[in-house]
């Protein structure tokens, strides 16, 4: 059942947004290249940009309501905390504006491990700390749906991964659906079970993440080096995953990270060897060949040279074994 149904239309200085999509009660990634209109779409949903169209949230038409009555919580790319307030005062302000909220600022702060930061001025917080405070502030306002605009943009690798785990934990703990804007396929796969792909202001693909990510419309949005498939860490031995998570986050397996063999490989250090049948071979612009392998768990993509395809005599319906190094993902 869809929790959010929207069709947003606006013309912004020559850029036209005309996007219809649904988002269920989970985590949805809004993915697309720079300039696709992702941030504009989020602002239109939240009521921060005037637009034509409709927004239905939990069966309620909120498209004509002012921003503060729509039920959306917004986390901006730059955190946008009130600079003249402490971290705790930022949370208290949001709580006062939501008198029906059952989430006490102190409890939310404890969950996000920021209790020790509440007395500190916003200017004395690191980028990761600001991200946590901004997320906590959005939650104490008791939204029905959380919108996050590139929440990882200011974070480096380790802090990025840590914040992804924070979002997943918050989703489980508070049972709040999220729409997360990203142009990183790794971040999107790590977070989302649902996918909405945007190009030039229009939705070109949407649906369950793994299946939608395999569609030609979505793959066309990717840098050629990022073309691949989404899979769950449980399918790979030794893959990075958080044992505390009830549902493992997704991994993005690039085609360049998959080797193919035409006989069962032996005496390899790689622990992940998956048998399948070749479904299709397609030539890429640079002459490489993209091989799609159907397996019991999930389809896989492998990028090979034309010479390798000829030497291995690869063709449709031929059995092959995919070799994957766990550390690659």
Protein backbone atom coordinates (compact mmCIF):
# COMPACT_ATOMS: atom_id res chain seq x y z
CA UNK A 1 0.00 0.00 0.00
CA UNK A 2 1.37 3.41 -0.95
CA UNK A 3 1.70 5.91 1.86
CA UNK A 4 2.61 8.84 -0.40
CA UNK A 5 1.16 9.51 -3.85
CA UNK A 6 2.17 12.66 -5.67
CA UNK A 7 2.05 14.31 -9.07
CA UNK A 8 4.00 17.55 -8.99
CA UNK A 9 4.11 20.11 -11.79
CA UNK A 10 5.99 23.40 -11.85
CA UNK A 11 7.96 25.59 -14.22
CA UNK A 12 11.01 27.15 -12.59
CA UNK A 13 12.89 29.50 -14.88
CA UNK A 14 12.69 27.18 -17.86
CA UNK A 15 13.15 23.97 -15.86
CA UNK A 16 9.94 21.94 -15.91
CA UNK A 17 9.14 19.43 -13.19
CA UNK A 18 6.36 17.00 -14.11
CA UNK A 19 6.78 14.02 -11.82
CA UNK A 20 4.26 11.41 -10.72
CA UNK A 21 5.34 8.75 -8.22
CA UNK A 22 4.41 6.71 -5.17
CA UNK A 23 6.40 5.90 -2.05
CA UNK A 24 5.45 3.09 0.36
CA UNK A 25 5.90 2.96 4.13
CA UNK A 26 9.62 2.20 3.96
CA UNK A 27 12.70 4.03 2.75
CA UNK A 28 12.53 5.31 -0.82
CA UNK A 29 15.59 6.58 -2.68
CA UNK A 30 14.99 9.50 -5.04
CA UNK A 31 17.87 9.02 -7.45
CA UNK A 32 19.04 10.99 -10.44
CA UNK A 33 21.95 12.95 -11.91
CA UNK A 34 22.71 16.53 -10.95
CA UNK A 35 20.10 18.87 -12.39
CA UNK A 36 17.41 16.20 -12.56
CA UNK A 37 15.16 18.15 -10.16
CA UNK A 38 15.50 16.06 -7.01
CA UNK A 39 15.79 18.95 -4.55
CA UNK A 40 13.07 20.86 -6.39
CA UNK A 41 10.75 17.87 -6.08
CA UNK A 42 11.39 17.60 -2.34
CA UNK A 43 10.75 21.32 -1.82
CA UNK A 44 7.52 21.08 -3.81
CA UNK A 45 6.37 18.11 -1.73
CA UNK A 46 7.09 19.92 1.51
CA UNK A 47 5.18 22.98 0.34
CA UNK A 48 8.28 25.19 0.10
CA UNK A 49 7.74 25.75 -3.64
CA UNK A 50 4.34 26.54 -5.12
CA UNK A 51 3.28 24.00 -7.73
CA UNK A 52 0.33 22.52 -9.51
CA UNK A 53 -0.57 18.89 -8.98
CA UNK A 54 -1.56 16.74 -6.05
CA UNK A 55 0.00 15.31 -2.91
CA UNK A 56 -1.79 12.53 -1.00
CA UNK A 57 -0.28 11.47 2.34
CA UNK A 58 -1.94 8.64 4.28
CA UNK A 59 -5.05 9.12 2.19
CA UNK A 60 -5.22 12.83 3.00
CA UNK A 61 -4.93 15.53 0.35
CA UNK A 62 -2.21 17.85 1.66
CA UNK A 63 -1.24 19.49 -1.63
CA UNK A 64 -3.08 22.73 -0.89
CA UNK A 65 -2.05 23.01 2.74
CA UNK A 66 0.75 25.30 3.98
CA UNK A 67 4.09 23.63 4.66
CA UNK A 68 3.67 23.36 8.45
CA UNK A 69 0.36 21.49 8.10
CA UNK A 70 1.39 18.88 5.51
CA UNK A 71 2.98 16.39 7.91
CA UNK A 72 6.44 16.33 6.31
CA UNK A 73 9.68 16.67 8.20
CA UNK A 74 12.57 18.09 6.18
CA UNK A 75 16.30 17.52 6.63
CA UNK A 76 18.30 19.77 4.33
CA UNK A 77 21.68 19.10 2.79
CA UNK A 78 23.36 21.82 4.90
CA UNK A 79 21.51 20.84 8.14
CA UNK A 80 20.15 24.44 8.46
CA UNK A 81 20.18 24.47 12.24
CA UNK A 82 19.44 27.78 13.93
CA UNK A 83 22.95 29.20 14.44
CA UNK A 84 22.01 31.39 17.41
CA UNK A 85 20.73 28.39 19.40
CA UNK A 86 22.43 25.43 21.02
CA UNK A 87 21.80 21.92 19.74
CA UNK A 88 19.33 21.32 22.57
CA UNK A 89 17.50 24.58 21.90
CA UNK A 90 17.11 23.55 18.25
CA UNK A 91 15.38 20.36 19.38
CA UNK A 92 13.25 22.20 21.93
CA UNK A 93 12.09 24.70 19.31
CA UNK A 94 10.89 21.91 16.99
CA UNK A 95 9.15 20.17 19.88
CA UNK A 96 7.25 23.31 20.87
CA UNK A 97 5.94 23.65 17.32
CA UNK A 98 4.51 20.11 17.49
CA UNK A 99 2.36 20.05 20.65
CA UNK A 100 1.01 16.59 19.79
CA UNK A 101 4.47 15.01 19.56
CA UNK A 102 5.02 12.04 21.85
CA UNK A 103 8.77 12.07 21.22
CA UNK A 104 10.60 13.87 24.00
CA UNK A 105 13.72 15.72 22.86
CA UNK A 106 15.80 14.04 25.56
CA UNK A 107 14.75 10.56 24.41
CA UNK A 108 15.46 11.32 20.77
CA UNK A 109 18.82 12.85 21.68
CA UNK A 110 19.71 9.72 23.63
CA UNK A 111 18.78 7.51 20.68
CA UNK A 112 21.05 9.49 18.34
CA UNK A 113 23.83 9.63 20.94
CA UNK A 114 23.89 13.43 20.99
CA UNK A 115 22.89 14.02 24.63
CA UNK A 116 26.38 15.30 25.37
CA UNK A 117 26.10 17.86 22.58
CA UNK A 118 22.87 19.57 23.61
CA UNK A 119 24.59 22.39 25.50
CA UNK A 120 26.94 23.21 22.63
CA UNK A 121 26.39 26.05 20.15
CA UNK A 122 25.66 24.85 16.63
CA UNK A 123 28.87 26.48 15.37
CA UNK A 124 30.92 24.14 17.57
CA UNK A 125 29.51 20.96 16.04
CA UNK A 126 31.22 18.83 13.39
CA UNK A 127 29.50 17.97 10.12
CA UNK A 128 28.45 14.55 11.39
CA UNK A 129 27.16 15.99 14.66
CA UNK A 130 25.14 18.62 12.81
CA UNK A 131 23.60 15.88 10.63
CA UNK A 132 22.48 13.93 13.70
CA UNK A 133 21.07 17.02 15.39
CA UNK A 134 19.19 18.00 12.23
CA UNK A 135 17.69 14.51 11.98
CA UNK A 136 16.74 14.53 15.66
CA UNK A 137 15.14 17.97 15.27
CA UNK A 138 13.06 16.72 12.36
CA UNK A 139 11.87 13.69 14.33
CA UNK A 140 10.80 15.52 17.49
CA UNK A 141 8.42 17.55 15.32
CA UNK A 142 6.46 14.27 14.88
CA UNK A 143 6.23 14.18 11.05
CA UNK A 144 4.23 11.57 9.18
CA UNK A 145 6.91 11.36 6.49
CA UNK A 146 10.57 12.39 6.51
CA UNK A 147 12.22 14.08 3.51
CA UNK A 148 16.03 14.14 3.35
CA UNK A 149 17.89 16.15 0.73
CA UNK A 150 21.39 14.72 0.10
CA UNK A 151 21.99 14.13 3.83
CA UNK A 152 25.46 12.65 3.19
CA UNK A 153 26.84 15.42 0.99
CA UNK A 154 29.01 17.00 3.70
CA UNK A 155 30.21 13.70 5.19
CA UNK A 156 33.33 11.69 4.37
CA UNK A 157 33.47 7.90 3.97
CA UNK A 158 33.40 6.65 7.60
CA UNK A 159 30.95 9.33 8.77
CA UNK A 160 28.85 8.68 5.68
CA UNK A 161 28.52 4.98 6.49
CA UNK A 162 27.82 5.77 10.15
CA UNK A 163 25.00 8.14 9.23
CA UNK A 164 23.47 5.56 6.89
CA UNK A 165 23.33 3.17 9.84
CA UNK A 166 21.74 5.94 11.95
CA UNK A 167 19.01 6.45 9.34
CA UNK A 168 18.30 2.73 9.12
CA UNK A 169 18.12 2.46 12.91
CA UNK A 170 15.83 5.50 13.13
CA UNK A 171 13.52 4.04 10.51
CA UNK A 172 13.20 0.82 12.49
CA UNK A 173 12.87 2.46 15.89
CA UNK A 174 10.43 5.23 15.02
CA UNK A 175 8.68 3.48 12.11
CA UNK A 176 8.80 6.61 10.01
CA UNK A 177 8.83 6.40 6.20
CA UNK A 178 11.55 8.34 4.40
CA UNK A 179 12.24 9.77 0.96
CA UNK A 180 15.99 10.24 0.62
CA UNK A 181 17.55 12.22 -2.25
CA UNK A 182 20.84 10.83 -3.54
CA UNK A 183 22.98 10.77 -6.66
CA UNK A 184 25.24 8.06 -5.17
CA UNK A 185 24.18 4.56 -6.17
CA UNK A 186 26.06 3.09 -3.19
CA UNK A 187 24.16 5.27 -0.70
CA UNK A 188 20.84 4.58 -2.40
CA UNK A 189 21.38 0.81 -2.38
CA UNK A 190 22.52 0.86 1.25
CA UNK A 191 19.34 2.57 2.40
CA UNK A 192 16.34 1.95 0.25
CA UNK A 193 13.89 -0.82 -0.50
CA UNK A 194 12.05 1.34 -3.05
CA UNK A 195 13.43 3.45 -5.88
CA UNK A 196 12.22 6.49 -7.81
CA UNK A 197 14.51 7.59 -10.66
CA UNK A 198 14.33 11.15 -11.97
CA UNK A 199 15.73 12.58 -15.19
CA UNK A 200 15.18 16.13 -16.47
CA UNK A 201 12.22 16.63 -14.15
CA UNK A 202 10.40 13.42 -15.01
CA UNK A 203 10.17 10.01 -13.35
CA UNK A 204 11.70 7.44 -15.70
CA UNK A 205 11.52 4.37 -13.42
CA UNK A 206 10.08 3.42 -10.04
CA UNK A 207 9.37 0.34 -7.97
CA UNK A 208 11.13 -2.20 -5.74
CA UNK A 209 14.80 -1.24 -5.61
CA UNK A 210 16.57 -4.33 -6.92
CA UNK A 211 14.19 -4.88 -9.84
CA UNK A 212 13.95 -1.20 -10.80
CA UNK A 213 17.73 -0.76 -10.67
CA UNK A 214 18.07 -3.40 -13.41
CA UNK A 215 15.80 -1.62 -15.88
CA UNK A 216 17.42 -0.01 -18.94
CA UNK A 217 15.84 3.34 -18.00
CA UNK A 218 17.63 3.35 -14.66
CA UNK A 219 20.93 1.91 -15.86
CA UNK A 220 21.08 4.68 -18.47
CA UNK A 221 21.31 7.23 -15.64
CA UNK A 222 24.46 5.66 -14.22
CA UNK A 223 28.05 6.42 -15.01
CA UNK A 224 29.25 3.42 -17.07
CA UNK A 225 31.67 2.55 -14.26
CA UNK A 226 28.72 2.24 -11.84
CA UNK A 227 26.56 -0.11 -13.88
CA UNK A 228 25.73 -3.17 -11.80
CA UNK A 229 23.11 -4.80 -9.60
CA UNK A 230 21.76 -4.46 -6.06
CA UNK A 231 21.92 -7.41 -3.70
CA UNK A 232 21.63 -8.17 0.00
CA UNK A 233 24.84 -8.72 2.02
CA UNK A 234 23.54 -12.08 3.23
CA UNK A 235 24.10 -13.40 -0.30
CA UNK A 236 27.86 -12.87 0.01
CA UNK A 237 30.29 -14.42 2.46
CA UNK A 238 32.40 -11.83 4.25
CA UNK A 239 30.51 -8.80 2.91
CA UNK A 240 30.24 -5.76 5.18
CA UNK A 241 27.01 -5.79 7.14
CA UNK A 242 25.77 -4.68 10.52
CA UNK A 243 24.84 -7.72 12.59
CA UNK A 244 22.57 -5.55 14.76
CA UNK A 245 20.32 -4.79 11.82
CA UNK A 246 17.18 -6.88 11.53
CA UNK A 247 17.15 -6.28 7.80
CA UNK A 248 20.54 -6.13 6.05
CA UNK A 249 21.25 -3.05 4.03
CA UNK A 250 21.77 -3.45 0.31
CA UNK A 251 25.04 -3.54 -1.56
CA UNK A 252 25.76 -2.26 -5.05
CA UNK A 253 27.82 -4.76 -7.03
CA UNK A 254 29.43 -3.17 -10.09
CA UNK A 255 29.84 -5.15 -13.28
CA UNK A 256 33.61 -4.58 -13.12
CA UNK A 257 33.69 -6.42 -9.77
CA UNK A 258 32.42 -9.70 -11.24
CA UNK A 259 34.58 -12.29 -13.00
CA UNK A 260 33.10 -15.13 -15.09
CA UNK A 261 34.27 -18.71 -15.51
CA UNK A 262 32.87 -21.46 -17.75
CA UNK A 263 33.91 -24.22 -15.34
CA UNK A 264 33.51 -24.43 -11.56
CA UNK A 265 36.53 -22.46 -10.27
CA UNK A 266 38.92 -24.15 -7.84
CA UNK A 267 41.79 -23.06 -5.60
CA UNK A 268 40.71 -19.41 -5.37
CA UNK A 269 40.82 -17.05 -2.40
CA UNK A 270 37.44 -15.63 -3.41
CA UNK A 271 34.68 -17.10 -1.23
CA UNK A 272 31.73 -16.15 -3.42
CA UNK A 273 31.23 -18.29 -6.48
CA UNK A 274 27.71 -18.22 -7.86
CA UNK A 275 26.44 -20.47 -10.65
CA UNK A 276 24.03 -19.12 -13.24
CA UNK A 277 22.96 -19.05 -16.84
CA UNK A 278 23.77 -16.31 -19.32
CA UNK A 279 20.64 -14.40 -20.28
CA UNK A 280 22.04 -11.71 -22.55
CA UNK A 281 25.19 -10.12 -23.92
CA UNK A 282 25.25 -6.49 -25.03
CA UNK A 283 28.04 -4.40 -26.50
CA UNK A 284 28.80 -1.10 -24.78
CA UNK A 285 29.91 2.16 -26.34
CA UNK A 286 33.59 1.52 -25.55
CA UNK A 287 33.45 -1.97 -27.04
CA UNK A 288 33.19 -3.84 -23.73
CA UNK A 289 30.56 -6.56 -23.40
CA UNK A 290 28.02 -6.52 -20.59
CA UNK A 291 26.94 -10.04 -19.66
CA UNK A 292 23.75 -10.65 -17.70
CA UNK A 293 23.80 -13.82 -15.62
CA UNK A 294 20.59 -15.26 -14.15
CA UNK A 295 21.16 -16.92 -10.76
CA UNK A 296 18.83 -18.41 -8.17
CA UNK A 297 19.31 -15.41 -5.90
CA UNK A 298 19.46 -12.41 -8.21
CA UNK A 299 20.59 -11.42 -11.72
CA UNK A 300 24.23 -10.34 -11.93
CA UNK A 301 26.07 -8.19 -14.46
CA UNK A 302 29.69 -8.71 -15.51
CA UNK A 303 31.77 -6.54 -17.85
CA UNK A 304 34.17 -8.43 -20.10
CA UNK A 305 36.42 -7.65 -23.02
CA UNK A 306 35.39 -8.92 -26.47
CA UNK A 307 38.47 -11.18 -26.44
CA UNK A 308 37.34 -12.79 -23.19
CA UNK A 309 33.86 -13.40 -24.59
CA UNK A 310 35.32 -15.10 -27.67
CA UNK A 311 37.87 -17.19 -25.77
CA UNK A 312 35.26 -18.38 -23.27
CA UNK A 313 32.75 -18.94 -26.10
CA UNK A 314 30.04 -17.20 -24.11
CA UNK A 315 26.51 -17.15 -25.41
CA UNK A 316 22.90 -17.15 -24.29
CA UNK A 317 21.81 -20.04 -22.07
CA UNK A 318 25.40 -21.09 -21.42
CA UNK A 319 26.21 -21.97 -17.80
CA UNK A 320 28.79 -19.75 -16.11
CA UNK A 321 30.11 -19.09 -12.62
CA UNK A 322 30.39 -15.57 -11.23
CA UNK A 323 33.41 -14.95 -8.97
CA UNK A 324 33.06 -12.07 -6.52
CA UNK A 325 35.51 -10.72 -3.97
CA UNK A 326 33.60 -9.77 -0.83
CA UNK A 327 35.85 -6.77 -0.12
CA UNK A 328 34.88 -5.30 -3.48
CA UNK A 329 31.47 -4.42 -2.01
